[in-house]
Amino acid sequence: MTATIMALGAQAAETRLGSPRRTAMVAAGAPGGRTFFDWIVLIVQDYGSWLLKGVGVTMFLALTGTIIGVVLGLGVGVVRTIPSDRPSARLPKRIALKVASAVLAVYVEVFRGTPMMVQAMVVYYGLGMAFQINLNVVTAGLLVVSINTGAYMAEIVRGGIESVDPGQTEAAKAVGMGHWATMRGIILPQAIRNILPATGNEFVINIKDTSVLMVIGTSELFFQGKTIDGILYQTFPVYLLVAAIYLVLTFSTTRLLRLLERHLDGPESFTLATSSTVPESILLPGGDNYGHRGR
């Protein structure tokens, strides 16, 4: 972290000394001699690369952390929905399921009940002090975002699974399908479609929440904005520009996710399958659909 701060300081000094336009503006007189739009142009031209770097780190942490969190939450949500009181299950298996469910419940409550900023401090500094595990700031930030997202996604997945009609599970058991086969073939495909809007919302939230990682020195968008503000002492134009970038990121992401949802929904108009539209070979028991060869 110290090396990162020193590098940013050197970069700031180089930018401060090597910008003729900024030198001319500073020499022009008091701050009142420069308009708000002059500062916006200055920030974009002299520090635009810093902001772009922050956007890259922000999107990397948000996207990768959301993907890992979805996978983690999917596993936790599925495990927590396994019935542990089935009479057919052996006693050791029932005990193991109850213990696993209790541990996962603690994980979900802890990471949903504490701020991500505090989690980042605990992970980054705590792992180093307690276990001598020294992570760089990007790795620590990715770990925090992934675990935090996994806790929220676990409850979202559990709700998606429980939203599927229980009659489908009972029908699957009636034909001899086990729990995992039922989950994989019947329940999860419907649950994943049901939780897609909430999953997209988590991604949008993570784009904004990565800003809290500046407390451990992660060079995301807000950290870069804070660094630029420390150089120019122009808080309003700097953070207004940062806010505009966040708005563009979240707005475009939301629109892309809505297009994905519409694509998965399929066409708005369709034809119902009736006896007049389904081929006779499918309706008759002797058809190819039943595994018999046609004549």
Protein backbone atom coordinates (compact mmCIF):
# COMPACT_ATOMS: atom_id res chain seq x y z
CA MET A 1 0.00 0.00 0.00
CA THR A 2 2.89 2.38 0.81
CA ALA A 3 4.45 1.70 -2.57
CA THR A 4 1.13 2.46 -4.26
CA ILE A 5 0.80 5.80 -2.48
CA MET A 6 4.40 6.74 -3.32
CA ALA A 7 3.85 5.84 -6.98
CA LEU A 8 0.69 7.93 -7.12
CA GLY A 9 2.51 10.82 -5.48
CA ALA A 10 5.29 10.64 -8.04
CA GLN A 11 2.76 10.46 -10.84
CA ALA A 12 0.93 13.45 -9.40
CA ALA A 13 4.13 15.47 -9.15
CA GLU A 14 5.06 14.59 -12.72
CA THR A 15 1.61 15.58 -13.94
CA ARG A 16 1.70 18.80 -11.92
CA LEU A 17 5.06 19.82 -13.32
CA GLY A 18 4.59 18.53 -16.84
CA SER A 19 1.29 20.16 -17.76
CA PRO A 20 1.90 23.53 -19.47
CA ARG A 21 -1.84 24.25 -19.68
CA ARG A 22 -2.31 23.70 -15.97
CA THR A 23 0.72 25.88 -15.21
CA ALA A 24 -0.80 28.64 -17.32
CA MET A 25 -4.14 28.30 -15.54
CA VAL A 26 -2.54 28.40 -12.11
CA ALA A 27 -0.54 31.45 -13.14
CA ALA A 28 -3.66 33.14 -14.44
CA GLY A 29 -4.56 34.31 -10.97
CA ALA A 30 -7.06 33.45 -8.23
CA PRO A 31 -9.46 30.48 -8.52
CA GLY A 32 -12.20 32.92 -9.46
CA GLY A 33 -10.44 33.50 -12.77
CA ARG A 34 -11.11 29.89 -13.84
CA THR A 35 -14.58 28.69 -14.61
CA PHE A 36 -16.13 25.40 -13.58
CA PHE A 37 -15.91 24.09 -17.14
CA ASP A 38 -12.21 25.00 -17.28
CA TRP A 39 -11.62 22.63 -14.38
CA ILE A 40 -13.68 19.89 -16.03
CA VAL A 41 -11.60 20.16 -19.20
CA LEU A 42 -8.40 20.21 -17.14
CA ILE A 43 -9.37 17.06 -15.24
CA VAL A 44 -10.34 15.18 -18.39
CA GLN A 45 -7.22 16.14 -20.33
CA ASP A 46 -4.60 15.83 -17.60
CA TYR A 47 -6.09 13.09 -15.41
CA GLY A 48 -8.37 11.20 -17.79
CA SER A 49 -6.01 8.23 -17.85
CA TRP A 50 -6.24 8.00 -14.06
CA LEU A 51 -10.03 7.89 -14.22
CA LEU A 52 -9.94 5.26 -16.98
CA LYS A 53 -7.65 3.13 -14.85
CA GLY A 54 -10.09 3.47 -11.98
CA VAL A 55 -12.98 2.45 -14.25
CA GLY A 56 -11.06 -0.66 -15.32
CA VAL A 57 -10.34 -1.71 -11.75
CA THR A 58 -13.93 -0.98 -10.69
CA MET A 59 -15.46 -3.05 -13.50
CA PHE A 60 -12.99 -5.89 -12.96
CA LEU A 61 -13.81 -6.10 -9.25
CA ALA A 62 -17.57 -5.75 -9.80
CA LEU A 63 -17.86 -8.24 -12.67
CA THR A 64 -15.45 -10.88 -11.38
CA GLY A 65 -16.72 -10.54 -7.82
CA THR A 66 -20.33 -10.90 -8.96
CA ILE A 67 -19.55 -14.04 -11.01
CA ILE A 68 -17.68 -15.68 -8.13
CA GLY A 69 -20.39 -14.56 -5.70
CA VAL A 70 -23.16 -16.04 -7.88
CA VAL A 71 -21.37 -19.40 -8.02
CA LEU A 72 -20.74 -19.30 -4.27
CA GLY A 73 -24.30 -18.24 -3.51
CA LEU A 74 -25.69 -20.92 -5.80
CA GLY A 75 -23.82 -23.62 -3.91
CA VAL A 76 -24.77 -22.24 -0.50
CA GLY A 77 -28.41 -21.78 -1.49
CA VAL A 78 -28.72 -25.32 -2.85
CA VAL A 79 -27.10 -26.87 0.23
CA ARG A 80 -29.37 -24.91 2.57
CA THR A 81 -32.47 -26.20 0.76
CA ILE A 82 -31.55 -29.88 1.18
CA PRO A 83 -34.06 -31.43 3.61
CA SER A 84 -32.09 -32.71 6.60
CA ASP A 85 -35.00 -34.52 8.29
CA ARG A 86 -35.69 -37.16 5.65
CA PRO A 87 -36.36 -40.53 7.31
CA SER A 88 -34.53 -42.35 4.52
CA ALA A 89 -31.26 -40.48 5.19
CA ARG A 90 -28.76 -42.02 7.55
CA LEU A 91 -28.09 -40.38 10.90
CA PRO A 92 -24.50 -39.22 10.10
CA LYS A 93 -25.73 -37.64 6.87
CA ARG A 94 -28.56 -35.82 8.66
CA ILE A 95 -26.12 -34.52 11.29
CA ALA A 96 -23.65 -33.37 8.63
CA LEU A 97 -26.40 -31.53 6.74
CA LYS A 98 -27.59 -29.76 9.89
CA VAL A 99 -24.04 -28.71 10.82
CA ALA A 100 -23.33 -27.50 7.27
CA SER A 101 -26.60 -25.60 7.18
CA ALA A 102 -25.82 -23.94 10.52
CA VAL A 103 -22.32 -22.93 9.43
CA LEU A 104 -23.60 -21.51 6.15
CA ALA A 105 -26.36 -19.64 7.98
CA VAL A 106 -23.71 -17.99 10.19
CA TYR A 107 -21.70 -17.04 7.10
CA VAL A 108 -24.74 -15.47 5.45
CA GLU A 109 -25.78 -13.51 8.53
CA VAL A 110 -22.27 -12.24 9.30
CA PHE A 111 -21.52 -10.93 5.82
CA ARG A 112 -25.01 -9.52 5.30
CA GLY A 113 -25.00 -7.89 8.72
CA THR A 114 -21.65 -6.07 8.56
CA PRO A 115 -20.56 -3.24 6.21
CA MET A 116 -18.30 -4.12 3.28
CA MET A 117 -15.89 -1.38 4.39
CA VAL A 118 -15.34 -3.14 7.72
CA GLN A 119 -15.00 -6.49 5.96
CA ALA A 120 -12.30 -5.02 3.70
CA MET A 121 -10.33 -3.77 6.71
CA VAL A 122 -10.63 -7.12 8.50
CA VAL A 123 -9.61 -9.16 5.45
CA TYR A 124 -6.73 -6.95 4.31
CA TYR A 125 -5.18 -6.19 7.69
CA GLY A 126 -6.52 -9.11 9.72
CA LEU A 127 -5.17 -11.86 7.47
CA GLY A 128 -1.75 -10.26 7.53
CA MET A 129 -1.65 -9.79 11.31
CA ALA A 130 -3.26 -13.08 12.34
CA PHE A 131 -2.05 -15.51 9.67
CA GLN A 132 0.82 -13.65 7.95
CA ILE A 133 -1.14 -13.76 4.67
CA ASN A 134 -0.24 -10.57 2.84
CA LEU A 135 -2.62 -9.91 -0.05
CA ASN A 136 -2.29 -7.07 -2.52
CA VAL A 137 -5.12 -4.55 -2.44
CA VAL A 138 -6.81 -5.78 -5.63
CA THR A 139 -6.83 -9.41 -4.50
CA ALA A 140 -8.14 -8.43 -1.07
CA GLY A 141 -10.84 -6.28 -2.68
CA LEU A 142 -11.88 -9.08 -5.02
CA LEU A 143 -12.07 -11.51 -2.09
CA VAL A 144 -14.27 -9.14 -0.10
CA VAL A 145 -16.64 -8.40 -3.00
CA SER A 146 -16.95 -12.10 -3.86
CA ILE A 147 -17.68 -13.27 -0.32
CA ASN A 148 -20.07 -10.40 0.35
CA THR A 149 -21.96 -11.02 -2.90
CA GLY A 150 -22.07 -14.75 -2.17
CA ALA A 151 -23.85 -14.11 1.12
CA TYR A 152 -26.56 -12.03 -0.54
CA MET A 153 -26.85 -14.38 -3.52
CA ALA A 154 -27.32 -17.36 -1.17
CA GLU A 155 -30.57 -15.87 0.10
CA ILE A 156 -31.61 -14.84 -3.41
CA VAL A 157 -31.01 -18.38 -4.70
CA ARG A 158 -32.85 -19.90 -1.76
CA GLY A 159 -35.82 -17.66 -2.45
CA GLY A 160 -35.69 -18.55 -6.16
CA ILE A 161 -35.69 -22.27 -5.39
CA GLU A 162 -38.58 -21.94 -2.95
CA SER A 163 -40.54 -19.90 -5.53
CA VAL A 164 -40.78 -22.93 -7.83
CA ASP A 165 -44.03 -24.85 -7.38
CA PRO A 166 -43.45 -27.61 -4.78
CA GLY A 167 -45.66 -29.89 -6.86
CA GLN A 168 -42.85 -30.18 -9.40
CA THR A 169 -40.51 -31.54 -6.75
CA GLU A 170 -43.14 -34.02 -5.59
CA ALA A 171 -43.76 -35.15 -9.17
CA ALA A 172 -40.03 -35.67 -9.69
CA LYS A 173 -39.82 -37.78 -6.54
CA ALA A 174 -42.83 -39.78 -7.70
CA VAL A 175 -40.99 -40.87 -10.85
CA GLY A 176 -37.90 -41.83 -8.87
CA MET A 177 -35.67 -38.76 -9.33
CA GLY A 178 -33.28 -37.95 -6.50
CA HIS A 179 -32.71 -34.54 -4.93
CA TRP A 180 -29.72 -33.55 -7.06
CA ALA A 181 -31.31 -34.79 -10.28
CA THR A 182 -34.45 -32.80 -9.47
CA MET A 183 -32.43 -29.70 -8.72
CA ARG A 184 -30.31 -29.97 -11.83
CA GLY A 185 -33.03 -30.86 -14.31
CA ILE A 186 -36.18 -29.17 -13.00
CA ILE A 187 -35.77 -26.68 -10.16
CA LEU A 188 -32.55 -24.78 -10.88
CA PRO A 189 -33.32 -23.84 -14.52
CA GLN A 190 -36.51 -22.15 -13.36
CA ALA A 191 -34.93 -20.67 -10.23
CA ILE A 192 -32.03 -19.14 -12.18
CA ARG A 193 -34.45 -17.41 -14.54
CA ASN A 194 -36.44 -16.12 -11.57
CA ILE A 195 -33.38 -14.66 -9.84
CA LEU A 196 -31.85 -13.06 -12.94
CA PRO A 197 -33.18 -9.53 -12.16
CA ALA A 198 -31.89 -9.73 -8.60
CA THR A 199 -28.52 -10.99 -9.86
CA GLY A 200 -28.25 -8.05 -12.24
CA ASN A 201 -29.13 -5.73 -9.39
CA GLU A 202 -26.28 -7.19 -7.34
CA PHE A 203 -23.89 -6.45 -10.19
CA VAL A 204 -25.05 -2.82 -10.36
CA ILE A 205 -24.71 -2.51 -6.58
CA ASN A 206 -21.18 -3.92 -6.72
CA ILE A 207 -20.17 -1.31 -9.30
CA LYS A 208 -21.02 1.36 -6.74
CA ASP A 209 -19.94 -0.50 -3.60
CA THR A 210 -16.37 -1.03 -4.83
CA SER A 211 -15.85 2.60 -3.82
CA VAL A 212 -15.55 1.50 -0.18
CA LEU A 213 -12.40 -0.43 -1.06
CA MET A 214 -10.48 2.86 -1.14
CA VAL A 215 -9.99 2.39 2.63
CA ILE A 216 -7.38 -0.30 1.86
CA GLY A 217 -5.85 1.60 -1.06
CA THR A 218 -7.51 -0.17 -3.99
CA SER A 219 -7.09 2.11 -6.99
CA GLU A 220 -10.70 1.99 -8.16
CA LEU A 221 -12.64 4.95 -9.55
CA PHE A 222 -13.40 6.71 -6.26
CA PHE A 223 -9.80 6.33 -5.07
CA GLN A 224 -8.55 7.93 -8.28
CA GLY A 225 -11.03 10.77 -7.87
CA LYS A 226 -9.91 11.34 -4.30
CA THR A 227 -6.28 11.43 -5.43
CA ILE A 228 -7.06 13.99 -8.14
CA ASP A 229 -8.98 16.10 -5.63
CA GLY A 230 -5.94 16.02 -3.32
CA ILE A 231 -3.84 17.46 -6.14
CA LEU A 232 -6.19 20.11 -7.53
CA TYR A 233 -8.30 20.95 -4.43
CA GLN A 234 -11.35 21.13 -6.69
CA THR A 235 -13.77 18.83 -4.91
CA PHE A 236 -16.99 19.67 -6.74
CA PRO A 237 -15.86 19.26 -10.37
CA VAL A 238 -13.80 16.15 -9.55
CA TYR A 239 -16.55 14.27 -7.78
CA LEU A 240 -19.23 15.47 -10.18
CA LEU A 241 -17.20 13.91 -12.99
CA VAL A 242 -16.72 10.72 -10.95
CA ALA A 243 -20.47 10.58 -10.26
CA ALA A 244 -21.21 10.99 -13.97
CA ILE A 245 -18.91 8.06 -14.78
CA TYR A 246 -20.63 5.87 -12.18
CA LEU A 247 -24.01 6.83 -13.64
CA VAL A 248 -22.90 5.89 -17.17
CA LEU A 249 -21.60 2.53 -15.93
CA THR A 250 -24.71 1.61 -13.96
CA PHE A 251 -27.17 2.91 -16.57
CA SER A 252 -25.55 1.03 -19.46
CA THR A 253 -25.25 -2.14 -17.36
CA THR A 254 -28.93 -1.97 -16.41
CA ARG A 255 -30.00 -1.60 -20.04
CA LEU A 256 -27.83 -4.53 -21.17
CA LEU A 257 -29.28 -6.74 -18.42
CA ARG A 258 -32.83 -5.83 -19.45
CA LEU A 259 -32.04 -6.83 -23.04
CA LEU A 260 -30.75 -10.16 -21.73
CA GLU A 261 -33.94 -10.71 -19.73
CA ARG A 262 -36.10 -9.99 -22.79
CA HIS A 263 -34.02 -12.42 -24.84
CA LEU A 264 -34.51 -15.16 -22.25
CA ASP A 265 -38.25 -14.46 -22.08
CA GLY A 266 -38.59 -15.41 -25.74
CA PRO A 267 -41.07 -13.97 -28.25
CA GLU A 268 -44.10 -12.13 -26.93
CA SER A 269 -46.47 -13.93 -29.35
CA PHE A 270 -46.51 -17.69 -29.80
CA THR A 271 -48.83 -20.49 -30.93
CA LEU A 272 -50.21 -22.94 -28.41
CA ALA A 273 -49.58 -26.60 -29.16
CA THR A 274 -52.87 -28.37 -29.91
CA SER A 275 -53.88 -31.54 -31.64
CA SER A 276 -54.08 -29.62 -34.92
CA THR A 277 -50.54 -28.20 -34.67
CA VAL A 278 -48.62 -31.18 -33.21
CA PRO A 279 -47.49 -33.86 -35.70
CA GLU A 280 -49.42 -37.11 -35.56
CA SER A 281 -46.23 -39.09 -34.96
CA ILE A 282 -45.81 -37.37 -31.58
CA LEU A 283 -49.40 -37.89 -30.49
CA LEU A 284 -49.61 -41.59 -31.37
CA PRO A 285 -47.89 -44.15 -29.10
CA GLY A 286 -46.36 -45.83 -32.12
CA GLY A 287 -44.63 -42.63 -33.25
CA ASP A 288 -40.89 -42.03 -33.34
CA ASN A 289 -41.17 -39.86 -30.21
CA TYR A 290 -41.66 -43.04 -28.16
CA GLY A 291 -38.51 -44.68 -29.41
CA HIS A 292 -40.16 -46.95 -32.04
CA ARG A 293 -38.96 -47.03 -35.57
CA GLY A 294 -41.36 -45.71 -38.17
CA ARG A 295 -42.38 -47.91 -41.02
